[in-house]
Amino acid sequence: MIYAVYHEYESDFTGDYTLSISAESFEGKEIHLDDETCEIFPVEPAPSHLSKQNVFNTWQKIWSLEKEGKLNRRYQKDFEKYEQGGSIAIYISVK
């Protein structure tokens, strides 16, 4: 698995942040990011050349939900999880 971890947020999704990339170092272990409550947004499956667009579309959905007041984000750590089988999910820390 590969993780894209968003952290050190300056403010909200319009501000600066830090992005770290991590790979699972050995089989059977997963990254644990604190004991935060997360809402999980699965990314629609697509051929590899289209998956970037689907990740972006999912982020747009997240931002839209936030603007509408339907998602109360913590802005601590969020991450994208890329599994070997091709599935992708975005984990958003919520209050």
Protein backbone atom coordinates (compact mmCIF):
# COMPACT_ATOMS: atom_id res chain seq x y z
CA MET A 1 0.00 0.00 0.00
CA ILE A 2 0.95 3.58 -0.56
CA TYR A 3 -0.29 6.48 1.56
CA ALA A 4 -0.40 10.18 0.69
CA VAL A 5 -0.66 11.96 4.04
CA TYR A 6 -1.80 15.59 4.25
CA HIS A 7 -0.80 17.38 7.47
CA GLU A 8 0.51 20.62 8.96
CA TYR A 9 -2.43 22.53 7.53
CA GLU A 10 -2.04 26.31 7.50
CA SER A 11 -5.82 26.82 7.62
CA ASP A 12 -8.45 25.03 5.53
CA PHE A 13 -8.34 23.38 2.10
CA THR A 14 -7.43 26.71 0.50
CA GLY A 15 -4.23 27.14 2.56
CA ASP A 16 -0.83 25.52 2.47
CA TYR A 17 -0.18 22.05 3.88
CA THR A 18 2.51 19.39 3.93
CA LEU A 19 2.20 16.23 1.83
CA SER A 20 4.15 13.11 2.83
CA ILE A 21 4.25 9.86 0.89
CA SER A 22 4.68 6.55 2.67
CA ALA A 23 4.76 2.93 1.58
CA GLU A 24 3.85 -0.05 3.70
CA SER A 25 7.18 -1.37 4.86
CA PHE A 26 6.21 -4.97 5.50
CA GLU A 27 3.26 -7.23 4.83
CA GLY A 28 0.42 -7.31 7.31
CA LYS A 29 1.10 -3.92 8.92
CA GLU A 30 -0.87 -0.77 8.24
CA ILE A 31 -0.10 2.84 9.02
CA HIS A 32 -1.98 4.15 12.03
CA LEU A 33 -2.55 7.88 12.09
CA ASP A 34 -3.41 8.78 15.68
CA ASP A 35 -6.81 7.85 17.06
CA GLU A 36 -8.67 10.32 14.91
CA THR A 37 -12.20 9.80 13.74
CA CYS A 38 -12.20 9.61 9.96
CA GLU A 39 -14.85 9.70 7.31
CA ILE A 40 -13.90 7.49 4.39
CA PHE A 41 -14.56 8.50 0.78
CA PRO A 42 -13.99 5.64 -1.69
CA VAL A 43 -12.67 6.75 -5.07
CA GLU A 44 -14.62 5.38 -8.02
CA PRO A 45 -12.62 2.59 -9.68
CA ALA A 46 -11.17 3.43 -13.08
CA PRO A 47 -8.41 2.34 -15.45
CA SER A 48 -5.07 3.63 -14.17
CA HIS A 49 -4.92 6.48 -16.69
CA LEU A 50 -8.25 7.82 -15.35
CA SER A 51 -7.73 7.24 -11.62
CA LYS A 52 -6.06 10.64 -11.09
CA GLN A 53 -9.20 12.37 -12.35
CA ASN A 54 -11.39 10.25 -10.06
CA VAL A 55 -9.19 11.15 -7.06
CA PHE A 56 -9.60 14.83 -7.96
CA ASN A 57 -13.37 14.39 -8.38
CA THR A 58 -13.56 12.83 -4.92
CA TRP A 59 -11.64 15.76 -3.42
CA GLN A 60 -14.07 18.15 -5.12
CA LYS A 61 -16.94 16.26 -3.47
CA ILE A 62 -15.20 16.58 -0.08
CA TRP A 63 -14.65 20.33 -0.52
CA SER A 64 -18.25 20.79 -1.63
CA LEU A 65 -19.58 18.93 1.43
CA GLU A 66 -17.43 21.13 3.63
CA LYS A 67 -18.64 24.34 1.99
CA GLU A 68 -22.24 23.16 2.47
CA GLY A 69 -21.59 22.56 6.18
CA LYS A 70 -22.10 18.79 5.81
CA LEU A 71 -18.52 17.85 6.70
CA ASN A 72 -16.82 19.20 9.81
CA ARG A 73 -13.11 18.64 9.17
CA ARG A 74 -10.41 18.70 11.86
CA TYR A 75 -7.49 19.58 9.56
CA GLN A 76 -5.08 17.42 11.56
CA LYS A 77 -4.16 14.57 9.21
CA ASP A 78 -5.97 13.29 6.16
CA PHE A 79 -4.73 10.62 3.81
CA GLU A 80 -5.24 8.82 0.54
CA LYS A 81 -4.78 5.04 0.70
CA TYR A 82 -3.71 3.30 -2.52
CA GLU A 83 -4.04 -0.49 -2.33
CA GLN A 84 -2.17 -2.97 -4.51
CA GLY A 85 -5.39 -4.13 -6.18
CA GLY A 86 -6.00 -0.61 -7.45
CA SER A 87 -8.63 0.58 -4.99
CA ILE A 88 -8.22 4.08 -3.57
CA ALA A 89 -9.92 5.75 -0.61
CA ILE A 90 -9.57 9.18 0.97
CA TYR A 91 -9.72 9.36 4.79
CA ILE A 92 -10.75 12.74 6.21
CA SER A 93 -10.34 13.51 9.92
CA VAL A 94 -13.55 14.92 11.33
CA LYS A 95 -14.59 16.51 14.61
